[in-house]
Structures are given as structure tokens and as C-alpha cells.
PDB file of N, CA and C in Angstrom:
ATOM      1  N   MET A   1       0.736  -1.335  -0.068  1.00  0.00           N
ATOM      2  CA  MET A   1       0.206  -0.169  -0.044  1.00  0.00           C
ATOM      3  C   MET A   1       0.915   0.889   0.090  1.00  0.00           C
ATOM      4  N   GLU A   2       0.643   2.190  -1.370  1.00  0.00           N
ATOM      5  CA  GLU A   2       1.322   2.960  -1.036  1.00  0.00           C
ATOM      6  C   GLU A   2       1.097   4.189   0.571  1.00  0.00           C
ATOM      7  N   PRO A   3       1.749   4.806   0.103  1.00  0.00           N
ATOM      8  CA  PRO A   3       1.931   5.981   1.918  1.00  0.00           C
ATOM      9  C   PRO A   3       0.675   7.251   1.608  1.00  0.00           C
ATOM     10  N   SER A   4       0.124   7.441   2.614  1.00  0.00           N
ATOM     11  CA  SER A   4      -0.719   8.634   2.483  1.00  0.00           C
ATOM     12  C   SER A   4      -0.033  10.535   2.267  1.00  0.00           C
ATOM     13  N   PHE A   5      -0.691  11.011   1.569  1.00  0.00           N
ATOM     14  CA  PHE A   5      -0.054  12.319   1.342  1.00  0.00           C
ATOM     15  C   PHE A   5       0.702  12.606   2.751  1.00  0.00           C
ATOM     16  N   THR A   6      -0.483  12.235   4.019  1.00  0.00           N
ATOM     17  CA  THR A   6      -0.871  12.839   5.458  1.00  0.00           C
ATOM     18  C   THR A   6       0.791  12.368   6.089  1.00  0.00           C
ATOM     19  N   GLU A   7       1.638  10.913   5.796  1.00  0.00           N
ATOM     20  CA  GLU A   7       2.173  10.565   6.187  1.00  0.00           C
ATOM     21  C   GLU A   7       3.629  10.545   5.759  1.00  0.00           C
ATOM     22  N   LEU A   8       3.647  10.782   4.351  1.00  0.00           N
ATOM     23  CA  LEU A   8       4.889  11.699   3.391  1.00  0.00           C
ATOM     24  C   LEU A   8       5.180  12.520   4.075  1.00  0.00           C
ATOM     25  N   TYR A   9       3.960  13.985   4.250  1.00  0.00           N
ATOM     26  CA  TYR A   9       4.306  14.881   4.884  1.00  0.00           C
ATOM     27  C   TYR A   9       3.454  15.530   5.737  1.00  0.00           C
ATOM     28  N   PRO A  10       3.632  16.043   6.517  1.00  0.00           N
ATOM     29  CA  PRO A  10       2.919  16.186   7.302  1.00  0.00           C
ATOM     30  C   PRO A  10       3.104  17.151   8.207  1.00  0.00           C
ATOM     31  N   ASP A  11       4.472  17.748   7.761  1.00  0.00           N
ATOM     32  CA  ASP A  11       4.467  19.322   8.083  1.00  0.00           C
ATOM     33  C   ASP A  11       3.910  19.816   7.250  1.00  0.00           C
ATOM     34  N   ILE A  12       3.044  19.480   6.113  1.00  0.00           N
ATOM     35  CA  ILE A  12       2.698  20.431   4.952  1.00  0.00           C
ATOM     36  C   ILE A  12       1.008  20.418   4.984  1.00  0.00           C
ATOM     37  N   VAL A  13       0.665  19.130   5.451  1.00  0.00           N
ATOM     38  CA  VAL A  13      -0.855  18.801   5.991  1.00  0.00           C
ATOM     39  C   VAL A  13      -0.790  19.991   7.502  1.00  0.00           C
ATOM     40  N   ALA A  14       0.140  20.460   8.082  1.00  0.00           N
ATOM     41  CA  ALA A  14      -0.382  20.597   9.484  1.00  0.00           C
ATOM     42  C   ALA A  14       0.036  22.191   8.985  1.00  0.00           C
ATOM     43  N   ALA A  15       0.636  22.969   8.154  1.00  0.00           N
ATOM     44  CA  ALA A  15       1.064  24.045   7.926  1.00  0.00           C
ATOM     45  C   ALA A  15      -0.385  24.766   7.924  1.00  0.00           C
ATOM     46  N   GLY A  16      -0.969  23.748   6.092  1.00  0.00           N
ATOM     47  CA  GLY A  16      -2.119  23.929   5.630  1.00  0.00           C
ATOM     48  C   GLY A  16      -1.968  23.994   4.433  1.00  0.00           C
ATOM     49  N   SER A  17      -0.552  24.584   3.494  1.00  0.00           N
ATOM     50  CA  SER A  17      -0.551  24.505   2.156  1.00  0.00           C
ATOM     51  C   SER A  17       1.468  24.164   2.269  1.00  0.00           C
ATOM     52  N   LEU A  18       1.780  23.653   0.601  1.00  0.00           N
ATOM     53  CA  LEU A  18       3.012  23.887   0.488  1.00  0.00           C
ATOM     54  C   LEU A  18       3.327  25.350   1.131  1.00  0.00           C
ATOM     55  N   ALA A  19       2.963  26.306   0.814  1.00  0.00           N
ATOM     56  CA  ALA A  19       3.447  28.072   0.531  1.00  0.00           C
ATOM     57  C   ALA A  19       3.287  28.318   2.051  1.00  0.00           C
ATOM     58  N   ALA A  20       2.430  27.545   2.475  1.00  0.00           N
ATOM     59  CA  ALA A  20       2.633  27.850   4.609  1.00  0.00           C
ATOM     60  C   ALA A  20       4.185  27.973   4.697  1.00  0.00           C
ATOM     61  N   ALA A  21       4.457  26.207   4.713  1.00  0.00           N
ATOM     62  CA  ALA A  21       5.278  25.706   5.015  1.00  0.00           C
ATOM     63  C   ALA A  21       6.406  25.929   4.777  1.00  0.00           C
ATOM     64  N   LEU A  22       6.693  26.642   3.190  1.00  0.00           N
ATOM     65  CA  LEU A  22       7.488  27.492   2.366  1.00  0.00           C
ATOM     66  C   LEU A  22       8.079  28.409   3.686  1.00  0.00           C
ATOM     67  N   GLU A  23       6.962  29.001   3.821  1.00  0.00           N
ATOM     68  CA  GLU A  23       7.113  30.479   4.544  1.00  0.00           C
ATOM     69  C   GLU A  23       7.626  30.348   6.313  1.00  0.00           C
ATOM     70  N   ARG A  24       6.626  29.245   6.555  1.00  0.00           N
ATOM     71  CA  ARG A  24       7.658  29.474   7.827  1.00  0.00           C
ATOM     72  C   ARG A  24       8.587  28.121   8.787  1.00  0.00           C
ATOM     73  N   THR A  25       9.109  27.620   6.965  1.00  0.00           N
ATOM     74  CA  THR A  25      10.697  27.161   7.232  1.00  0.00           C
ATOM     75  C   THR A  25      11.737  27.898   6.994  1.00  0.00           C
ATOM     76  N   ALA A  26      11.653  29.032   6.472  1.00  0.00           N
ATOM     77  CA  ALA A  26      12.277  30.608   6.221  1.00  0.00           C
ATOM     78  C   ALA A  26      12.277  31.272   7.563  1.00  0.00           C
ATOM     79  N   ALA A  27      11.216  31.357   7.959  1.00  0.00           N
ATOM     80  CA  ALA A  27      11.368  32.132   9.093  1.00  0.00           C
ATOM     81  C   ALA A  27      12.034  31.702   9.867  1.00  0.00           C
ATOM     82  N   GLU A  28      12.102  30.284  10.252  1.00  0.00           N
ATOM     83  CA  GLU A  28      12.756  29.263  11.367  1.00  0.00           C
ATOM     84  C   GLU A  28      14.278  29.305  10.810  1.00  0.00           C
ATOM     85  N   LEU A  29      14.246  29.679   9.720  1.00  0.00           N
ATOM     86  CA  LEU A  29      16.505  29.374   9.268  1.00  0.00           C
ATOM     87  C   LEU A  29      16.707  30.772   9.274  1.00  0.00           C
ATOM     88  N   GLY A  30      15.067  31.602   9.476  1.00  0.00           N
ATOM     89  CA  GLY A  30      15.880  33.238   8.999  1.00  0.00           C
ATOM     90  C   GLY A  30      16.309  33.745   7.624  1.00  0.00           C
ATOM     91  N   LEU A  31      15.380  33.079   6.047  1.00  0.00           N
ATOM     92  CA  LEU A  31      15.572  33.633   5.149  1.00  0.00           C
ATOM     93  C   LEU A  31      14.470  33.974   4.994  1.00  0.00           C
ATOM     94  N   ASP A  32      14.553  34.941   3.357  1.00  0.00           N
ATOM     95  CA  ASP A  32      13.314  35.657   3.155  1.00  0.00           C
ATOM     96  C   ASP A  32      13.010  35.495   1.635  1.00  0.00           C
ATOM     97  N   LEU A  33      11.591  34.866   1.152  1.00  0.00           N
ATOM     98  CA  LEU A  33      11.143  34.144   0.106  1.00  0.00           C
ATOM     99  C   LEU A  33      10.641  35.162  -0.276  1.00  0.00           C
ATOM    100  N   GLY A  34       9.717  36.087   0.514  1.00  0.00           N
ATOM    101  CA  GLY A  34       8.896  36.953  -0.274  1.00  0.00           C
ATOM    102  C   GLY A  34       7.436  36.715   0.283  1.00  0.00           C
ATOM    103  N   GLU A  35       6.647  36.561  -0.566  1.00  0.00           N
ATOM    104  CA  GLU A  35       5.438  35.956  -0.047  1.00  0.00           C
ATOM    105  C   GLU A  35       4.955  34.978  -1.363  1.00  0.00           C
ATOM    106  N   VAL A  36       4.838  33.413  -0.507  1.00  0.00           N
ATOM    107  CA  VAL A  36       4.896  32.393  -1.263  1.00  0.00           C
ATOM    108  C   VAL A  36       3.523  32.333  -1.837  1.00  0.00           C
ATOM    109  N   GLN A  37       2.791  31.355  -2.925  1.00  0.00           N
ATOM    110  CA  GLN A  37       2.287  31.379  -3.642  1.00  0.00           C
ATOM    111  C   GLN A  37       1.591  29.921  -3.312  1.00  0.00           C
ATOM    112  N   PHE A  38       0.585  30.021  -3.732  1.00  0.00           N
ATOM    113  CA  PHE A  38       0.359  28.398  -4.441  1.00  0.00           C
ATOM    114  C   PHE A  38      -0.390  28.747  -5.776  1.00  0.00           C
ATOM    115  N   ALA A  39      -0.531  27.337  -6.307  1.00  0.00           N
ATOM    116  CA  ALA A  39      -0.312  27.756  -8.583  1.00  0.00           C
ATOM    117  C   ALA A  39      -2.231  27.866  -8.155  1.00  0.00           C
ATOM    118  N   ASP A  40      -2.567  27.076  -6.921  1.00  0.00           N
ATOM    119  CA  ASP A  40      -4.308  26.456  -7.605  1.00  0.00           C
ATOM    120  C   ASP A  40      -5.194  26.021  -6.755  1.00  0.00           C
ATOM    121  N   PRO A  41      -6.124  26.709  -5.740  1.00  0.00           N
ATOM    122  CA  PRO A  41      -6.947  26.168  -4.714  1.00  0.00           C
ATOM    123  C   PRO A  41      -6.780  24.311  -4.495  1.00  0.00           C
ATOM    124  N   MET A  42      -6.687  23.627  -5.992  1.00  0.00           N
ATOM    125  CA  MET A  42      -7.168  22.391  -5.587  1.00  0.00           C
ATOM    126  C   MET A  42      -5.681  22.037  -5.666  1.00  0.00           C
ATOM    127  N   VAL A  43      -4.380  22.654  -5.740  1.00  0.00           N
ATOM    128  CA  VAL A  43      -3.166  21.702  -5.112  1.00  0.00           C
ATOM    129  C   VAL A  43      -2.393  22.151  -4.241  1.00  0.00           C
ATOM    130  N   LEU A  44      -3.121  23.312  -3.277  1.00  0.00           N
ATOM    131  CA  LEU A  44      -2.355  24.119  -2.339  1.00  0.00           C
ATOM    132  C   LEU A  44      -1.195  23.374  -1.760  1.00  0.00           C
ATOM    133  N   LEU A  45      -1.122  21.644  -1.369  1.00  0.00           N
ATOM    134  CA  LEU A  45      -0.655  20.911  -1.234  1.00  0.00           C
ATOM    135  C   LEU A  45       0.535  20.870  -1.460  1.00  0.00           C
ATOM    136  N   GLU A  46       0.527  20.198  -2.984  1.00  0.00           N
ATOM    137  CA  GLU A  46       1.517  20.285  -4.151  1.00  0.00           C
ATOM    138  C   GLU A  46       2.170  21.111  -5.455  1.00  0.00           C
ATOM    139  N   TRP A  47       1.716  22.093  -5.195  1.00  0.00           N
ATOM    140  CA  TRP A  47       2.121  23.743  -5.135  1.00  0.00           C
ATOM    141  C   TRP A  47       3.166  24.572  -4.422  1.00  0.00           C
ATOM    142  N   ALA A  48       3.966  25.078  -4.846  1.00  0.00           N
ATOM    143  CA  ALA A  48       4.034  26.463  -4.495  1.00  0.00           C
ATOM    144  C   ALA A  48       4.984  27.254  -5.293  1.00  0.00           C
ATOM    145  N   SER A  49       4.823  28.678  -5.119  1.00  0.00           N
ATOM    146  CA  SER A  49       5.645  29.661  -6.455  1.00  0.00           C
ATOM    147  C   SER A  49       6.462  30.420  -5.600  1.00  0.00           C
ATOM    148  N   ILE A  50       7.984  30.696  -5.586  1.00  0.00           N
ATOM    149  CA  ILE A  50       8.356  31.114  -5.248  1.00  0.00           C
ATOM    150  C   ILE A  50       8.818  33.090  -6.450  1.00  0.00           C
ATOM    151  N   PRO A  51       8.283  34.081  -6.032  1.00  0.00           N
ATOM    152  CA  PRO A  51       9.094  34.986  -6.793  1.00  0.00           C
ATOM    153  C   PRO A  51      10.350  35.603  -6.421  1.00  0.00           C
ATOM    154  N   HIS A  52      10.308  35.964  -7.300  1.00  0.00           N
ATOM    155  CA  HIS A  52      11.826  36.843  -8.641  1.00  0.00           C
ATOM    156  C   HIS A  52      11.869  38.111  -7.618  1.00  0.00           C
ATOM    157  N   VAL A  53      12.433  38.754  -6.868  1.00  0.00           N
ATOM    158  CA  VAL A  53      12.687  39.751  -6.688  1.00  0.00           C
ATOM    159  C   VAL A  53      13.155  41.048  -7.607  1.00  0.00           C
ATOM    160  N   LEU A  54      13.068  40.492  -9.120  1.00  0.00           N
ATOM    161  CA  LEU A  54      12.941  41.671  -9.956  1.00  0.00           C
ATOM    162  C   LEU A  54      11.506  41.348 -10.125  1.00  0.00           C
ATOM    163  N   ALA A  55      11.188  41.778 -10.661  1.00  0.00           N
ATOM    164  CA  ALA A  55       9.185  41.786 -11.022  1.00  0.00           C
ATOM    165  C   ALA A  55       9.101  40.907 -12.678  1.00  0.00           C
ATOM    166  N   ALA A  56      10.126  40.770 -12.940  1.00  0.00           N
ATOM    167  CA  ALA A  56      10.051  40.833 -14.971  1.00  0.00           C
ATOM    168  C   ALA A  56      10.635  39.112 -15.078  1.00  0.00           C
ATOM    169  N   GLY A  57      11.392  38.726 -13.087  1.00  0.00           N
ATOM    170  CA  GLY A  57      11.825  37.390 -13.676  1.00  0.00           C
ATOM    171  C   GLY A  57      10.563  35.768 -12.729  1.00  0.00           C
ATOM    172  N   ARG A  58      10.886  35.075 -13.498  1.00  0.00           N
ATOM    173  CA  ARG A  58      10.368  33.970 -13.370  1.00  0.00           C
ATOM    174  C   ARG A  58      10.258  33.286 -12.203  1.00  0.00           C
ATOM    175  N   PRO A  59       9.145  32.869 -11.590  1.00  0.00           N
ATOM    176  CA  PRO A  59       8.904  31.954 -10.675  1.00  0.00           C
ATOM    177  C   PRO A  59       9.977  31.197 -10.381  1.00  0.00           C
ATOM    178  N   LEU A  60      10.402  30.510  -8.589  1.00  0.00           N
ATOM    179  CA  LEU A  60      10.785  29.518  -8.996  1.00  0.00           C
ATOM    180  C   LEU A  60       9.573  28.083  -9.011  1.00  0.00           C
ATOM    181  N   TRP A  61       9.010  27.393  -9.351  1.00  0.00           N
ATOM    182  CA  TRP A  61       8.620  26.128  -8.785  1.00  0.00           C
ATOM    183  C   TRP A  61       8.706  25.575  -7.657  1.00  0.00           C
ATOM    184  N   VAL A  62       8.000  24.992  -6.938  1.00  0.00           N
ATOM    185  CA  VAL A  62       8.357  23.669  -6.066  1.00  0.00           C
ATOM    186  C   VAL A  62       7.248  23.233  -5.773  1.00  0.00           C
ATOM    187  N   ARG A  63       7.535  21.801  -5.718  1.00  0.00           N
ATOM    188  CA  ARG A  63       6.319  20.838  -6.033  1.00  0.00           C
ATOM    189  C   ARG A  63       6.437  19.906  -5.305  1.00  0.00           C
ATOM    190  N   THR A  64       5.914  18.738  -4.458  1.00  0.00           N
ATOM    191  CA  THR A  64       5.938  17.061  -3.664  1.00  0.00           C
ATOM    192  C   THR A  64       5.754  16.672  -4.871  1.00  0.00           C
ATOM    193  N   THR A  65       5.965  15.390  -4.779  1.00  0.00           N
ATOM    194  CA  THR A  65       6.173  14.538  -5.411  1.00  0.00           C
ATOM    195  C   THR A  65       4.440  13.139  -3.980  1.00  0.00           C
ATOM    196  N   PRO A  66       4.345  11.874  -5.071  1.00  0.00           N
ATOM    197  CA  PRO A  66       3.035  11.401  -4.488  1.00  0.00           C
ATOM    198  C   PRO A  66       3.396  10.008  -3.879  1.00  0.00           C
ATOM    199  N   PHE A  67       4.343   9.235  -4.255  1.00  0.00           N
ATOM    200  CA  PHE A  67       4.663   8.049  -4.181  1.00  0.00           C
ATOM    201  C   PHE A  67       6.473   8.277  -2.958  1.00  0.00           C
ATOM    202  N   GLU A  68       6.599   8.564  -2.856  1.00  0.00           N
ATOM    203  CA  GLU A  68       8.051   9.491  -1.620  1.00  0.00           C
ATOM    204  C   GLU A  68       7.818  11.154  -0.967  1.00  0.00           C
ATOM    205  N   ARG A  69       8.628  10.969  -0.069  1.00  0.00           N
ATOM    206  CA  ARG A  69       8.554  11.775  -0.346  1.00  0.00           C
ATOM    207  C   ARG A  69      10.399  12.681  -0.286  1.00  0.00           C
ATOM    208  N   VAL A  70       9.520  13.990  -1.496  1.00  0.00           N
ATOM    209  CA  VAL A  70      10.628  14.496  -1.973  1.00  0.00           C
ATOM    210  C   VAL A  70       9.975  16.064  -2.316  1.00  0.00           C
ATOM    211  N   PHE A  71      10.548  16.755  -3.142  1.00  0.00           N
ATOM    212  CA  PHE A  71      10.355  17.902  -3.081  1.00  0.00           C
ATOM    213  C   PHE A  71      11.379  18.488  -3.966  1.00  0.00           C
ATOM    214  N   GLY A  72      10.438  18.558  -5.005  1.00  0.00           N
ATOM    215  CA  GLY A  72      11.373  19.585  -6.640  1.00  0.00           C
ATOM    216  C   GLY A  72      11.065  21.319  -6.885  1.00  0.00           C
ATOM    217  N   ILE A  73      12.108  21.142  -7.988  1.00  0.00           N
ATOM    218  CA  ILE A  73      11.983  22.622  -7.443  1.00  0.00           C
ATOM    219  C   ILE A  73      12.471  22.603  -9.011  1.00  0.00           C
ATOM    220  N   ASP A  74      12.276  24.081  -9.863  1.00  0.00           N
ATOM    221  CA  ASP A  74      11.931  23.924 -11.469  1.00  0.00           C
ATOM    222  C   ASP A  74      12.006  25.980 -11.727  1.00  0.00           C
ATOM    223  N   GLY A  75      12.890  26.032 -12.222  1.00  0.00           N
ATOM    224  CA  GLY A  75      13.444  27.388 -12.369  1.00  0.00           C
ATOM    225  C   GLY A  75      14.138  27.994 -13.534  1.00  0.00           C
ATOM    226  N   ARG A  76      15.170  28.959 -13.130  1.00  0.00           N
ATOM    227  CA  ARG A  76      15.800  29.778 -13.955  1.00  0.00           C
ATOM    228  C   ARG A  76      16.808  30.404 -13.342  1.00  0.00           C
ATOM    229  N   ALA A  77      17.905  30.359 -13.276  1.00  0.00           N
ATOM    230  CA  ALA A  77      19.374  31.378 -12.993  1.00  0.00           C
ATOM    231  C   ALA A  77      19.270  31.438 -13.649  1.00  0.00           C
ATOM    232  N   PRO A  78      19.343  33.528 -12.915  1.00  0.00           N
ATOM    233  CA  PRO A  78      19.606  34.614 -13.119  1.00  0.00           C
ATOM    234  C   PRO A  78      20.371  35.194 -15.466  1.00  0.00           C
ATOM    235  N   GLY A  79      21.426  34.174 -15.386  1.00  0.00           N
ATOM    236  CA  GLY A  79      21.920  34.208 -16.264  1.00  0.00           C
ATOM    237  C   GLY A  79      20.451  33.302 -17.217  1.00  0.00           C
ATOM    238  N   GLY A  80      19.658  32.680 -16.662  1.00  0.00           N
ATOM    239  CA  GLY A  80      19.055  32.037 -17.966  1.00  0.00           C
ATOM    240  C   GLY A  80      19.319  30.478 -17.086  1.00  0.00           C
ATOM    241  N   GLU A  81      20.236  29.602 -16.363  1.00  0.00           N
ATOM    242  CA  GLU A  81      20.687  28.686 -16.779  1.00  0.00           C
ATOM    243  C   GLU A  81      19.323  27.614 -15.671  1.00  0.00           C
ATOM    244  N   PRO A  82      18.901  26.670 -16.544  1.00  0.00           N
ATOM    245  CA  PRO A  82      17.949  25.848 -15.344  1.00  0.00           C
ATOM    246  C   PRO A  82      17.837  25.491 -14.164  1.00  0.00           C
ATOM    247  N   LEU A  83      17.066  25.878 -13.544  1.00  0.00           N
ATOM    248  CA  LEU A  83      17.385  25.524 -12.060  1.00  0.00           C
ATOM    249  C   LEU A  83      16.613  24.202 -11.734  1.00  0.00           C
ATOM    250  N   ARG A  84      17.032  23.078 -11.101  1.00  0.00           N
ATOM    251  CA  ARG A  84      16.263  22.266 -11.034  1.00  0.00           C
ATOM    252  C   ARG A  84      16.541  21.134  -9.660  1.00  0.00           C
ATOM    253  N   GLY A  85      16.398  20.200  -9.230  1.00  0.00           N
ATOM    254  CA  GLY A  85      16.529  19.752  -8.459  1.00  0.00           C
ATOM    255  C   GLY A  85      15.638  18.864  -7.482  1.00  0.00           C
ATOM    256  N   ASN A  86      15.909  17.860  -6.512  1.00  0.00           N
ATOM    257  CA  ASN A  86      15.212  17.112  -6.068  1.00  0.00           C
ATOM    258  C   ASN A  86      15.541  16.682  -4.326  1.00  0.00           C
ATOM    259  N   THR A  87      14.668  16.661  -2.856  1.00  0.00           N
ATOM    260  CA  THR A  87      15.847  16.339  -2.162  1.00  0.00           C
ATOM    261  C   THR A  87      14.054  16.238  -1.612  1.00  0.00           C
ATOM    262  N   PRO A  88      14.543  15.566  -0.107  1.00  0.00           N
ATOM    263  CA  PRO A  88      13.629  15.050   0.985  1.00  0.00           C
ATOM    264  C   PRO A  88      13.348  16.552   1.955  1.00  0.00           C
ATOM    265  N   ASP A  89      14.249  17.257   1.835  1.00  0.00           N
ATOM    266  CA  ASP A  89      14.701  18.535   2.849  1.00  0.00           C
ATOM    267  C   ASP A  89      14.426  19.374   2.204  1.00  0.00           C
ATOM    268  N   LEU A  90      12.747  20.198   3.406  1.00  0.00           N
ATOM    269  CA  LEU A  90      12.353  21.282   2.618  1.00  0.00           C
ATOM    270  C   LEU A  90      13.775  22.680   3.345  1.00  0.00           C
ATOM    271  N   SER A  91      14.130  22.419   4.347  1.00  0.00           N
ATOM    272  CA  SER A  91      14.972  22.800   4.062  1.00  0.00           C
ATOM    273  C   SER A  91      16.149  23.159   2.928  1.00  0.00           C
ATOM    274  N   GLU A  92      16.369  22.567   3.201  1.00  0.00           N
ATOM    275  CA  GLU A  92      16.965  22.283   1.599  1.00  0.00           C
ATOM    276  C   GLU A  92      16.736  23.910   0.886  1.00  0.00           C
ATOM    277  N   VAL A  93      15.502  22.883   0.496  1.00  0.00           N
ATOM    278  CA  VAL A  93      14.644  23.591  -0.947  1.00  0.00           C
ATOM    279  C   VAL A  93      14.645  25.319  -0.331  1.00  0.00           C
ATOM    280  N   VAL A  94      14.090  25.479   0.589  1.00  0.00           N
ATOM    281  CA  VAL A  94      14.328  27.006   1.556  1.00  0.00           C
ATOM    282  C   VAL A  94      15.843  27.789   1.354  1.00  0.00           C
ATOM    283  N   ARG A  95      16.800  26.718   1.523  1.00  0.00           N
ATOM    284  CA  ARG A  95      18.078  27.664   1.326  1.00  0.00           C
ATOM    285  C   ARG A  95      18.592  27.847  -0.258  1.00  0.00           C
ATOM    286  N   ALA A  96      18.139  26.304  -1.769  1.00  0.00           N
ATOM    287  CA  ALA A  96      18.896  27.222  -2.094  1.00  0.00           C
ATOM    288  C   ALA A  96      17.360  28.476  -3.058  1.00  0.00           C
ATOM    289  N   ALA A  97      16.083  27.723  -2.628  1.00  0.00           N
ATOM    290  CA  ALA A  97      15.387  29.207  -3.381  1.00  0.00           C
ATOM    291  C   ALA A  97      15.868  30.995  -2.553  1.00  0.00           C
ATOM    292  N   ALA A  98      16.093  31.305  -1.147  1.00  0.00           N
ATOM    293  CA  ALA A  98      16.709  31.908  -1.100  1.00  0.00           C
ATOM    294  C   ALA A  98      17.763  32.072  -1.724  1.00  0.00           C
ATOM    295  N   ALA A  99      18.661  31.075  -1.554  1.00  0.00           N
ATOM    296  CA  ALA A  99      20.154  32.139  -3.021  1.00  0.00           C
ATOM    297  C   ALA A  99      20.032  32.618  -3.793  1.00  0.00           C
ATOM    298  N   TRP A 100      18.216  32.016  -4.639  1.00  0.00           N
ATOM    299  CA  TRP A 100      17.790  31.844  -6.217  1.00  0.00           C
ATOM    300  C   TRP A 100      17.217  33.353  -5.662  1.00  0.00           C
ATOM    301  N   ARG A 101      16.655  33.627  -5.280  1.00  0.00           N
ATOM    302  CA  ARG A 101      15.433  34.359  -5.039  1.00  0.00           C
ATOM    303  C   ARG A 101      16.716  36.461  -4.453  1.00  0.00           C
ATOM    304  N   GLY A 102      17.906  35.616  -3.887  1.00  0.00           N
ATOM    305  CA  GLY A 102      18.629  36.859  -3.481  1.00  0.00           C
ATOM    306  C   GLY A 102      19.756  37.273  -4.994  1.00  0.00           C
ATOM    307  N   GLY A 103      18.877  36.371  -6.031  1.00  0.00           N
ATOM    308  CA  GLY A 103      20.257  36.845  -7.687  1.00  0.00           C
ATOM    309  C   GLY A 103      21.129  35.591  -8.428  1.00  0.00           C
ATOM    310  N   ALA A 104      21.160  34.947  -7.022  1.00  0.00           N
ATOM    311  CA  ALA A 104      22.569  34.267  -6.892  1.00  0.00           C
ATOM    312  C   ALA A 104      22.339  33.308  -8.423  1.00  0.00           C
ATOM    313  N   SER A 105      24.266  32.930  -8.692  1.00  0.00           N
ATOM    314  CA  SER A 105      24.395  32.233 -10.110  1.00  0.00           C
ATOM    315  C   SER A 105      23.908  30.584  -9.649  1.00  0.00           C
ATOM    316  N   LEU A 106      23.807  30.327 -10.296  1.00  0.00           N
ATOM    317  CA  LEU A 106      23.218  28.600 -10.661  1.00  0.00           C
ATOM    318  C   LEU A 106      23.961  28.094  -9.406  1.00  0.00           C
ATOM    319  N   ARG A 107      26.244  28.586  -9.917  1.00  0.00           N
ATOM    320  CA  ARG A 107      27.204  27.869  -9.136  1.00  0.00           C
ATOM    321  C   ARG A 107      27.072  27.754  -7.398  1.00  0.00           C
ATOM    322  N   GLU A 108      26.223  29.684  -7.702  1.00  0.00           N
ATOM    323  CA  GLU A 108      26.514  29.800  -5.727  1.00  0.00           C
ATOM    324  C   GLU A 108      24.598  29.158  -5.660  1.00  0.00           C
ATOM    325  N   VAL A 109      23.811  29.245  -5.667  1.00  0.00           N
ATOM    326  CA  VAL A 109      22.847  28.316  -5.671  1.00  0.00           C
ATOM    327  C   VAL A 109      23.386  27.175  -5.360  1.00  0.00           C
ATOM    328  N   ARG A 110      24.286  26.129  -6.044  1.00  0.00           N
ATOM    329  CA  ARG A 110      24.587  24.913  -5.458  1.00  0.00           C
ATOM    330  C   ARG A 110      25.730  25.177  -4.759  1.00  0.00           C
ATOM    331  N   GLN A 111      25.576  25.543  -4.294  1.00  0.00           N
ATOM    332  CA  GLN A 111      27.133  25.390  -2.884  1.00  0.00           C
ATOM    333  C   GLN A 111      26.322  25.873  -1.917  1.00  0.00           C
ATOM    334  N   ALA A 112      24.823  27.126  -1.948  1.00  0.00           N
ATOM    335  CA  ALA A 112      23.765  27.373  -0.761  1.00  0.00           C
ATOM    336  C   ALA A 112      22.956  25.578  -0.780  1.00  0.00           C
ATOM    337  N   ALA A 113      22.841  24.756  -1.472  1.00  0.00           N
ATOM    338  CA  ALA A 113      22.008  23.576  -1.339  1.00  0.00           C
ATOM    339  C   ALA A 113      22.273  22.540  -2.991  1.00  0.00           C
ATOM    340  N   THR A 114      23.257  21.546  -2.377  1.00  0.00           N
ATOM    341  CA  THR A 114      24.380  20.750  -3.071  1.00  0.00           C
ATOM    342  C   THR A 114      22.861  19.898  -3.742  1.00  0.00           C
ATOM    343  N   PHE A 115      21.881  20.393  -3.896  1.00  0.00           N
ATOM    344  CA  PHE A 115      20.681  18.957  -4.853  1.00  0.00           C
ATOM    345  C   PHE A 115      20.792  19.851  -6.137  1.00  0.00           C
ATOM    346  N   VAL A 116      20.824  20.903  -6.035  1.00  0.00           N
ATOM    347  CA  VAL A 116      20.507  21.061  -6.861  1.00  0.00           C
ATOM    348  C   VAL A 116      21.541  21.499  -8.584  1.00  0.00           C
ATOM    349  N   ASN A 117      20.372  21.398  -9.437  1.00  0.00           N
ATOM    350  CA  ASN A 117      21.405  20.824 -10.448  1.00  0.00           C
ATOM    351  C   ASN A 117      20.366  21.841 -11.611  1.00  0.00           C
ATOM    352  N   GLY A 118      21.845  21.874 -13.227  1.00  0.00           N
ATOM    353  CA  GLY A 118      21.304  23.150 -13.797  1.00  0.00           C
ATOM    354  C   GLY A 118      21.021  22.018 -14.897  1.00  0.00           C
ATOM    355  N   ALA A 119      20.470  20.362 -14.885  1.00  0.00           N
ATOM    356  CA  ALA A 119      19.630  20.434 -15.958  1.00  0.00           C
ATOM    357  C   ALA A 119      18.863  19.312 -15.766  1.00  0.00           C
TER     358      ALA A 119
END
């Protein structure tokens, strides 16, 4: 039997959304993610987006996976390089997102969170 979302992500369920869990974790780490948003009320536990500090910048998308505890990120570094990766650790996602939001290059984001890759 596959684990339930509640078993895999009790922290997300307790926070009420992935966006709220990201914001809570960022506050605990003393990092700024801006106003994290969810894409659609139907998937508020599964998807969230983090805005870039530049209004024209694309958001960084964060998602959960249904069969194991894994958070994925998808976005672009300031130079246009793909920014992707998967990790079971929400704190690592927040570290990567905070570095990205601060304008860090792909290399700098990878230093903040080693799970990040460019492809």
C-alpha cells in the first residue's frame, strides 16, 4: 500500500499548504522568500511558487511527489540557466530558493543547496 500524503508530508498538512510550510521554514532559518504563493486551490498542498525579486523574473516552482517524500524545484538562474533538483529536505529547498531569490548564480545556489543541478 502506498503511503498517504499525510504520512509523507505531515509538516505540509499541518501548515495548511506547501506555500505556508515554505514560509514557516524560511522564518525558522531566518531567510526571505517573499510572498510564497500556491498555483491553484486544488493543489495547495502539492505546488507553490516563489517570486523573484525582479518583477520580470520568472518564479521558482516547488512541488511535492506522491509516492515518496521528495520536493522538486524548477526555475531559471539569473543567467537563464535551468535550475532544478529534488530533495526530501524542505530546509534545503528553502536555502536554494533564498539564494536564487537573492540573485545567486547556478553555482552559488548549488553551494547553498547541493541537491540543485542545472539540467
